[in-house]
């Protein structure tokens, strides 16, 4: 599991869909009506992971 802040998750999801050259309206729909709510739900309601990746700097 990769544990990250919601703003970073949001940015990564937007970038993911931008790589498909989708219109902004479609990207917003995918991110804010599906992907981001699902990601937040997973982060908030998952059992503890066996491994958590972190950036050490």
C-alpha atoms as a PDB file:
ATOM      1  CA  UNK A   1       0.000   0.000   0.000  1.00  0.00           C
ATOM      2  CA  UNK A   2       1.170   3.524  -0.737  1.00  0.00           C
ATOM      3  CA  UNK A   3       0.011   5.931   1.943  1.00  0.00           C
ATOM      4  CA  UNK A   4      -0.235   9.504   0.685  1.00  0.00           C
ATOM      5  CA  UNK A   5      -2.015  12.773   1.356  1.00  0.00           C
ATOM      6  CA  UNK A   6      -5.309  13.389  -0.422  1.00  0.00           C
ATOM      7  CA  UNK A   7      -3.912  16.358  -2.407  1.00  0.00           C
ATOM      8  CA  UNK A   8      -1.105  14.185  -3.783  1.00  0.00           C
ATOM      9  CA  UNK A   9      -3.560  11.428  -4.642  1.00  0.00           C
ATOM     10  CA  UNK A  10      -5.769  13.981  -6.406  1.00  0.00           C
ATOM     11  CA  UNK A  11      -2.805  15.332  -8.410  1.00  0.00           C
ATOM     12  CA  UNK A  12      -1.704  11.853  -9.465  1.00  0.00           C
ATOM     13  CA  UNK A  13      -5.210  10.860 -10.533  1.00  0.00           C
ATOM     14  CA  UNK A  14      -5.596  14.008 -12.631  1.00  0.00           C
ATOM     15  CA  UNK A  15      -2.210  13.408 -14.274  1.00  0.00           C
ATOM     16  CA  UNK A  16      -3.178   9.806 -14.972  1.00  0.00           C
ATOM     17  CA  UNK A  17      -6.270  10.836 -16.923  1.00  0.00           C
ATOM     18  CA  UNK A  18      -4.500  13.736 -18.642  1.00  0.00           C
ATOM     19  CA  UNK A  19      -2.162  11.162 -20.194  1.00  0.00           C
ATOM     20  CA  UNK A  20      -5.216   9.798 -22.037  1.00  0.00           C
ATOM     21  CA  UNK A  21      -5.817  13.261 -23.542  1.00  0.00           C
ATOM     22  CA  UNK A  22      -9.351  13.408 -22.155  1.00  0.00           C
ATOM     23  CA  UNK A  23     -11.270  16.697 -21.924  1.00  0.00           C
ATOM     24  CA  UNK A  24     -11.033  18.463 -18.543  1.00  0.00           C
ATOM     25  CA  UNK A  25     -14.745  17.896 -17.869  1.00  0.00           C
ATOM     26  CA  UNK A  26     -14.348  14.142 -18.313  1.00  0.00           C
ATOM     27  CA  UNK A  27     -11.207  14.085 -16.175  1.00  0.00           C
ATOM     28  CA  UNK A  28     -12.989  15.995 -13.403  1.00  0.00           C
ATOM     29  CA  UNK A  29     -15.909  13.568 -13.539  1.00  0.00           C
ATOM     30  CA  UNK A  30     -13.650  10.521 -13.326  1.00  0.00           C
ATOM     31  CA  UNK A  31     -11.478  11.967 -10.549  1.00  0.00           C
ATOM     32  CA  UNK A  32     -14.067  13.655  -8.320  1.00  0.00           C
ATOM     33  CA  UNK A  33     -17.038  11.329  -8.801  1.00  0.00           C
ATOM     34  CA  UNK A  34     -15.233   7.996  -8.791  1.00  0.00           C
ATOM     35  CA  UNK A  35     -11.477   7.674  -8.367  1.00  0.00           C
ATOM     36  CA  UNK A  36     -10.811  10.130  -5.536  1.00  0.00           C
ATOM     37  CA  UNK A  37     -13.808   9.086  -3.398  1.00  0.00           C
ATOM     38  CA  UNK A  38     -12.776   5.446  -3.861  1.00  0.00           C
ATOM     39  CA  UNK A  39      -9.145   6.194  -2.997  1.00  0.00           C
ATOM     40  CA  UNK A  40     -10.112   8.134   0.118  1.00  0.00           C
ATOM     41  CA  UNK A  41     -12.447   5.314   1.144  1.00  0.00           C
ATOM     42  CA  UNK A  42      -9.645   2.776   0.775  1.00  0.00           C
ATOM     43  CA  UNK A  43      -7.201   4.916   2.772  1.00  0.00           C
ATOM     44  CA  UNK A  44      -9.698   5.518   5.586  1.00  0.00           C
ATOM     45  CA  UNK A  45     -11.241   2.059   5.837  1.00  0.00           C
ATOM     46  CA  UNK A  46      -8.505  -0.436   5.011  1.00  0.00           C
ATOM     47  CA  UNK A  47      -7.009  -2.725   7.586  1.00  0.00           C
ATOM     48  CA  UNK A  48      -3.383  -2.047   8.429  1.00  0.00           C
ATOM     49  CA  UNK A  49      -1.024  -2.918   5.599  1.00  0.00           C
ATOM     50  CA  UNK A  50       1.790  -5.425   6.022  1.00  0.00           C
ATOM     51  CA  UNK A  51       4.108  -3.000   4.209  1.00  0.00           C
ATOM     52  CA  UNK A  52       3.890   0.776   3.829  1.00  0.00           C
ATOM     53  CA  UNK A  53       6.073   2.610   1.318  1.00  0.00           C
ATOM     54  CA  UNK A  54       7.426   5.937   2.498  1.00  0.00           C
ATOM     55  CA  UNK A  55       9.810   8.511   1.128  1.00  0.00           C
ATOM     56  CA  UNK A  56      12.780   9.042   3.413  1.00  0.00           C
ATOM     57  CA  UNK A  57      14.264  12.494   2.933  1.00  0.00           C
END
